[in-house]
Amino acid sequence: MGFLRELGKKGGEFIVPSMMLAYATYYYLEVSALPRREVNLLLIQPIYFVILAAFLALVAAYVCRSLAGKHGQVSNGEVSERKITNKVATLSFAVLTVAYVYGLEWLGFVVSSWLYMTLLLMLFSVKSWLIIAAFPAGTALFIYLTFDMWLSIPLPKGILF
């Protein structure tokens, strides 16, 4: 039970995953109540179980880190202070996110997503140029192909296409 008490004190990193799991559970239950249950669950069921597995992996990692932290505590009782957040990076992240949302209509999904992820990786000091170039391109292309080609959900094309 000490884990749950610690989670309540320092569980801020669980807010977004918990909200995602709660919404996915709600959506899963709503879809499963519709007629033709098997057809409706074809898409949401695998995604729901991936979200559930990711949440459980996050909880397991937190438990392991908590247990490892108990054995590796400093002997003089000093608690390490949390670093102060870099305000420039935080503000830059917010500005880039707003620019990305507004840029989706003009530049299209693929270009604006690639640009957004590339600038974020550079902002957060990723050193490998291969990662800076390939990861955003691969991610944007994968999401575009998944939504536009496979699911037939149109994404913003922008002025370039």
C-alpha atoms as a PDB file:
ATOM      1  CA  MET A   1       0.000   0.000   0.000  1.00  0.00           C
ATOM      2  CA  GLY A   2       2.990   2.290   0.303  1.00  0.00           C
ATOM      3  CA  PHE A   3       3.109   2.373  -3.489  1.00  0.00           C
ATOM      4  CA  LEU A   4      -0.400   3.833  -3.702  1.00  0.00           C
ATOM      5  CA  ARG A   5       0.432   6.437  -1.074  1.00  0.00           C
ATOM      6  CA  GLU A   6       3.554   7.476  -2.996  1.00  0.00           C
ATOM      7  CA  LEU A   7       1.592   7.501  -6.234  1.00  0.00           C
ATOM      8  CA  GLY A   8      -0.875   9.918  -4.687  1.00  0.00           C
ATOM      9  CA  LYS A   9       1.936  12.234  -3.600  1.00  0.00           C
ATOM     10  CA  LYS A  10       4.096  12.172  -6.722  1.00  0.00           C
ATOM     11  CA  GLY A  11       1.806  10.737  -9.387  1.00  0.00           C
ATOM     12  CA  GLY A  12       1.758  13.726 -11.699  1.00  0.00           C
ATOM     13  CA  GLU A  13       3.247  11.681 -14.512  1.00  0.00           C
ATOM     14  CA  PHE A  14       0.167   9.458 -14.393  1.00  0.00           C
ATOM     15  CA  ILE A  15      -2.348  12.223 -15.138  1.00  0.00           C
ATOM     16  CA  VAL A  16      -2.223  12.073 -18.944  1.00  0.00           C
ATOM     17  CA  PRO A  17      -1.938   8.259 -19.220  1.00  0.00           C
ATOM     18  CA  SER A  18      -4.814   7.879 -16.743  1.00  0.00           C
ATOM     19  CA  MET A  19      -6.964  10.273 -18.749  1.00  0.00           C
ATOM     20  CA  MET A  20      -6.115   8.402 -21.955  1.00  0.00           C
ATOM     21  CA  LEU A  21      -6.987   5.070 -20.366  1.00  0.00           C
ATOM     22  CA  ALA A  22     -10.234   6.448 -18.925  1.00  0.00           C
ATOM     23  CA  TYR A  23     -11.315   7.886 -22.277  1.00  0.00           C
ATOM     24  CA  ALA A  24     -10.321   4.715 -24.149  1.00  0.00           C
ATOM     25  CA  THR A  25     -12.275   2.618 -21.635  1.00  0.00           C
ATOM     26  CA  TYR A  26     -15.307   4.871 -21.995  1.00  0.00           C
ATOM     27  CA  TYR A  27     -15.103   4.714 -25.793  1.00  0.00           C
ATOM     28  CA  TYR A  28     -14.584   0.939 -25.756  1.00  0.00           C
ATOM     29  CA  LEU A  29     -17.668   0.448 -23.575  1.00  0.00           C
ATOM     30  CA  GLU A  30     -19.751   2.787 -25.748  1.00  0.00           C
ATOM     31  CA  VAL A  31     -18.726   1.015 -28.953  1.00  0.00           C
ATOM     32  CA  SER A  32     -19.279  -2.433 -27.471  1.00  0.00           C
ATOM     33  CA  ALA A  33     -22.874  -1.473 -26.612  1.00  0.00           C
ATOM     34  CA  LEU A  34     -23.682  -0.666 -30.256  1.00  0.00           C
ATOM     35  CA  PRO A  35     -25.342  -3.193 -32.563  1.00  0.00           C
ATOM     36  CA  ARG A  36     -23.000  -5.415 -34.602  1.00  0.00           C
ATOM     37  CA  ARG A  37     -20.495  -5.483 -31.735  1.00  0.00           C
ATOM     38  CA  GLU A  38     -17.895  -7.624 -33.554  1.00  0.00           C
ATOM     39  CA  VAL A  39     -17.642  -5.253 -36.504  1.00  0.00           C
ATOM     40  CA  ASN A  40     -17.485  -2.141 -34.342  1.00  0.00           C
ATOM     41  CA  LEU A  41     -14.731  -3.531 -32.128  1.00  0.00           C
ATOM     42  CA  LEU A  42     -12.421  -4.441 -35.021  1.00  0.00           C
ATOM     43  CA  LEU A  43     -10.566  -1.139 -34.757  1.00  0.00           C
ATOM     44  CA  ILE A  44     -10.933  -0.065 -31.129  1.00  0.00           C
ATOM     45  CA  GLN A  45     -10.199  -3.414 -29.480  1.00  0.00           C
ATOM     46  CA  PRO A  46      -6.520  -3.709 -30.551  1.00  0.00           C
ATOM     47  CA  ILE A  47      -5.911  -0.029 -29.855  1.00  0.00           C
ATOM     48  CA  TYR A  48      -7.558  -0.292 -26.442  1.00  0.00           C
ATOM     49  CA  PHE A  49      -5.405  -3.237 -25.446  1.00  0.00           C
ATOM     50  CA  VAL A  50      -2.249  -1.413 -26.594  1.00  0.00           C
ATOM     51  CA  ILE A  51      -3.221   1.589 -24.440  1.00  0.00           C
ATOM     52  CA  LEU A  52      -3.965  -0.726 -21.505  1.00  0.00           C
ATOM     53  CA  ALA A  53      -0.635  -2.551 -21.936  1.00  0.00           C
ATOM     54  CA  ALA A  54       1.260   0.755 -22.134  1.00  0.00           C
ATOM     55  CA  PHE A  55      -0.447   1.987 -18.969  1.00  0.00           C
ATOM     56  CA  LEU A  56       0.369  -1.230 -17.112  1.00  0.00           C
ATOM     57  CA  ALA A  57       3.990  -1.027 -18.313  1.00  0.00           C
ATOM     58  CA  LEU A  58       4.168   2.546 -17.003  1.00  0.00           C
ATOM     59  CA  VAL A  59       2.818   1.451 -13.621  1.00  0.00           C
ATOM     60  CA  ALA A  60       5.274  -1.472 -13.529  1.00  0.00           C
ATOM     61  CA  ALA A  61       8.184   0.852 -14.344  1.00  0.00           C
ATOM     62  CA  TYR A  62       7.061   3.231 -11.598  1.00  0.00           C
ATOM     63  CA  VAL A  63       6.853   0.380  -9.076  1.00  0.00           C
ATOM     64  CA  CYS A  64      10.321  -0.877 -10.063  1.00  0.00           C
ATOM     65  CA  ARG A  65      11.747   2.640  -9.809  1.00  0.00           C
ATOM     66  CA  SER A  66      10.118   3.106  -6.405  1.00  0.00           C
ATOM     67  CA  LEU A  67      11.481  -0.188  -5.126  1.00  0.00           C
ATOM     68  CA  ALA A  68      14.947   0.542  -6.508  1.00  0.00           C
ATOM     69  CA  GLY A  69      14.825   4.014  -4.957  1.00  0.00           C
ATOM     70  CA  LYS A  70      14.229   2.565  -1.491  1.00  0.00           C
ATOM     71  CA  HIS A  71      17.406   0.499  -1.705  1.00  0.00           C
ATOM     72  CA  GLY A  72      19.524   3.248  -3.257  1.00  0.00           C
ATOM     73  CA  GLN A  73      18.713   6.139  -0.912  1.00  0.00           C
ATOM     74  CA  VAL A  74      21.437   8.505   0.177  1.00  0.00           C
ATOM     75  CA  SER A  75      22.736   7.645   3.637  1.00  0.00           C
ATOM     76  CA  ASN A  76      22.793  11.199   4.980  1.00  0.00           C
ATOM     77  CA  GLY A  77      19.094  11.619   4.229  1.00  0.00           C
ATOM     78  CA  GLU A  78      19.431  14.359   1.642  1.00  0.00           C
ATOM     79  CA  VAL A  79      16.686  14.417  -0.915  1.00  0.00           C
ATOM     80  CA  SER A  80      17.736  15.454  -4.386  1.00  0.00           C
ATOM     81  CA  GLU A  81      16.060  18.644  -5.497  1.00  0.00           C
ATOM     82  CA  ARG A  82      14.125  18.688  -8.736  1.00  0.00           C
ATOM     83  CA  LYS A  83      15.718  20.795 -11.444  1.00  0.00           C
ATOM     84  CA  ILE A  84      14.026  24.048 -12.286  1.00  0.00           C
ATOM     85  CA  THR A  85      12.267  23.838 -15.621  1.00  0.00           C
ATOM     86  CA  ASN A  86      13.941  25.658 -18.461  1.00  0.00           C
ATOM     87  CA  LYS A  87      11.448  28.457 -19.089  1.00  0.00           C
ATOM     88  CA  VAL A  88      12.716  29.207 -22.595  1.00  0.00           C
ATOM     89  CA  ALA A  89      12.243  25.578 -23.652  1.00  0.00           C
ATOM     90  CA  THR A  90       8.781  25.481 -22.086  1.00  0.00           C
ATOM     91  CA  LEU A  91       7.699  28.685 -23.787  1.00  0.00           C
ATOM     92  CA  SER A  92       9.214  27.542 -27.088  1.00  0.00           C
ATOM     93  CA  PHE A  93       7.298  24.269 -26.827  1.00  0.00           C
ATOM     94  CA  ALA A  94       4.031  26.155 -26.295  1.00  0.00           C
ATOM     95  CA  VAL A  95       4.707  28.536 -29.205  1.00  0.00           C
ATOM     96  CA  LEU A  96       5.673  25.669 -31.522  1.00  0.00           C
ATOM     97  CA  THR A  97       2.530  23.753 -30.573  1.00  0.00           C
ATOM     98  CA  VAL A  98       0.272  26.726 -31.317  1.00  0.00           C
ATOM     99  CA  ALA A  99       2.111  27.336 -34.608  1.00  0.00           C
ATOM    100  CA  TYR A 100       1.701  23.646 -35.492  1.00  0.00           C
ATOM    101  CA  VAL A 101      -2.053  23.732 -34.907  1.00  0.00           C
ATOM    102  CA  TYR A 102      -2.460  26.842 -37.053  1.00  0.00           C
ATOM    103  CA  GLY A 103       0.001  25.581 -39.664  1.00  0.00           C
ATOM    104  CA  LEU A 104      -1.885  22.346 -40.291  1.00  0.00           C
ATOM    105  CA  GLU A 105      -4.354  24.040 -42.629  1.00  0.00           C
ATOM    106  CA  TRP A 106      -1.729  25.966 -44.612  1.00  0.00           C
ATOM    107  CA  LEU A 107       1.132  23.512 -44.856  1.00  0.00           C
ATOM    108  CA  GLY A 108      -0.793  20.261 -44.545  1.00  0.00           C
ATOM    109  CA  PHE A 109      -0.401  17.443 -42.067  1.00  0.00           C
ATOM    110  CA  VAL A 110       2.791  15.830 -43.329  1.00  0.00           C
ATOM    111  CA  VAL A 111       4.853  19.003 -43.780  1.00  0.00           C
ATOM    112  CA  SER A 112       3.702  20.726 -40.593  1.00  0.00           C
ATOM    113  CA  SER A 113       4.102  17.545 -38.508  1.00  0.00           C
ATOM    114  CA  TRP A 114       7.595  16.957 -39.862  1.00  0.00           C
ATOM    115  CA  LEU A 115       8.557  20.566 -39.223  1.00  0.00           C
ATOM    116  CA  TYR A 116       7.039  20.535 -35.713  1.00  0.00           C
ATOM    117  CA  MET A 117       8.777  17.330 -34.627  1.00  0.00           C
ATOM    118  CA  THR A 118      12.081  18.397 -36.197  1.00  0.00           C
ATOM    119  CA  LEU A 119      12.072  21.745 -34.394  1.00  0.00           C
ATOM    120  CA  LEU A 120      11.097  20.081 -31.102  1.00  0.00           C
ATOM    121  CA  LEU A 121      13.947  17.587 -31.372  1.00  0.00           C
ATOM    122  CA  MET A 122      16.375  20.420 -32.094  1.00  0.00           C
ATOM    123  CA  LEU A 123      14.911  22.473 -29.223  1.00  0.00           C
ATOM    124  CA  PHE A 124      15.385  19.614 -26.779  1.00  0.00           C
ATOM    125  CA  SER A 125      19.025  19.151 -27.860  1.00  0.00           C
ATOM    126  CA  VAL A 126      18.925  15.869 -29.736  1.00  0.00           C
ATOM    127  CA  LYS A 127      22.429  15.499 -31.155  1.00  0.00           C
ATOM    128  CA  SER A 128      21.961  12.914 -33.915  1.00  0.00           C
ATOM    129  CA  TRP A 129      21.042  14.507 -37.233  1.00  0.00           C
ATOM    130  CA  LEU A 130      19.855  11.129 -38.467  1.00  0.00           C
ATOM    131  CA  ILE A 131      17.258  11.022 -35.686  1.00  0.00           C
ATOM    132  CA  ILE A 132      16.329  14.671 -36.233  1.00  0.00           C
ATOM    133  CA  ALA A 133      15.647  14.028 -39.933  1.00  0.00           C
ATOM    134  CA  ALA A 134      14.389  10.434 -40.026  1.00  0.00           C
ATOM    135  CA  PHE A 135      12.191  10.147 -36.930  1.00  0.00           C
ATOM    136  CA  PRO A 136       9.817  13.036 -37.761  1.00  0.00           C
ATOM    137  CA  ALA A 137       9.624  12.021 -41.428  1.00  0.00           C
ATOM    138  CA  GLY A 138       8.886   8.399 -40.583  1.00  0.00           C
ATOM    139  CA  THR A 139       6.345   9.289 -37.920  1.00  0.00           C
ATOM    140  CA  ALA A 140       4.478  11.811 -40.081  1.00  0.00           C
ATOM    141  CA  LEU A 141       4.475   9.449 -43.055  1.00  0.00           C
ATOM    142  CA  PHE A 142       3.276   6.503 -40.948  1.00  0.00           C
ATOM    143  CA  ILE A 143       0.414   8.521 -39.449  1.00  0.00           C
ATOM    144  CA  TYR A 144      -0.527   9.905 -42.873  1.00  0.00           C
ATOM    145  CA  LEU A 145      -0.563   6.456 -44.482  1.00  0.00           C
ATOM    146  CA  THR A 146      -2.515   4.987 -41.580  1.00  0.00           C
ATOM    147  CA  PHE A 147      -5.226   7.620 -41.578  1.00  0.00           C
ATOM    148  CA  ASP A 148      -5.427   8.611 -45.242  1.00  0.00           C
ATOM    149  CA  MET A 149      -4.762   5.323 -47.016  1.00  0.00           C
ATOM    150  CA  TRP A 150      -5.827   2.612 -44.567  1.00  0.00           C
ATOM    151  CA  LEU A 151      -8.655   4.211 -42.583  1.00  0.00           C
ATOM    152  CA  SER A 152      -9.737   6.644 -45.343  1.00  0.00           C
ATOM    153  CA  ILE A 153      -9.808   9.551 -42.908  1.00  0.00           C
ATOM    154  CA  PRO A 154      -8.641  12.648 -44.774  1.00  0.00           C
ATOM    155  CA  LEU A 155      -5.950  14.781 -43.192  1.00  0.00           C
ATOM    156  CA  PRO A 156      -5.255  18.426 -44.086  1.00  0.00           C
ATOM    157  CA  LYS A 157      -3.397  18.598 -47.411  1.00  0.00           C
ATOM    158  CA  GLY A 158      -2.305  22.226 -47.291  1.00  0.00           C
ATOM    159  CA  ILE A 159      -1.195  24.438 -50.151  1.00  0.00           C
ATOM    160  CA  LEU A 160       1.591  22.094 -51.268  1.00  0.00           C
ATOM    161  CA  PHE A 161      -0.668  19.226 -52.399  1.00  0.00           C
END
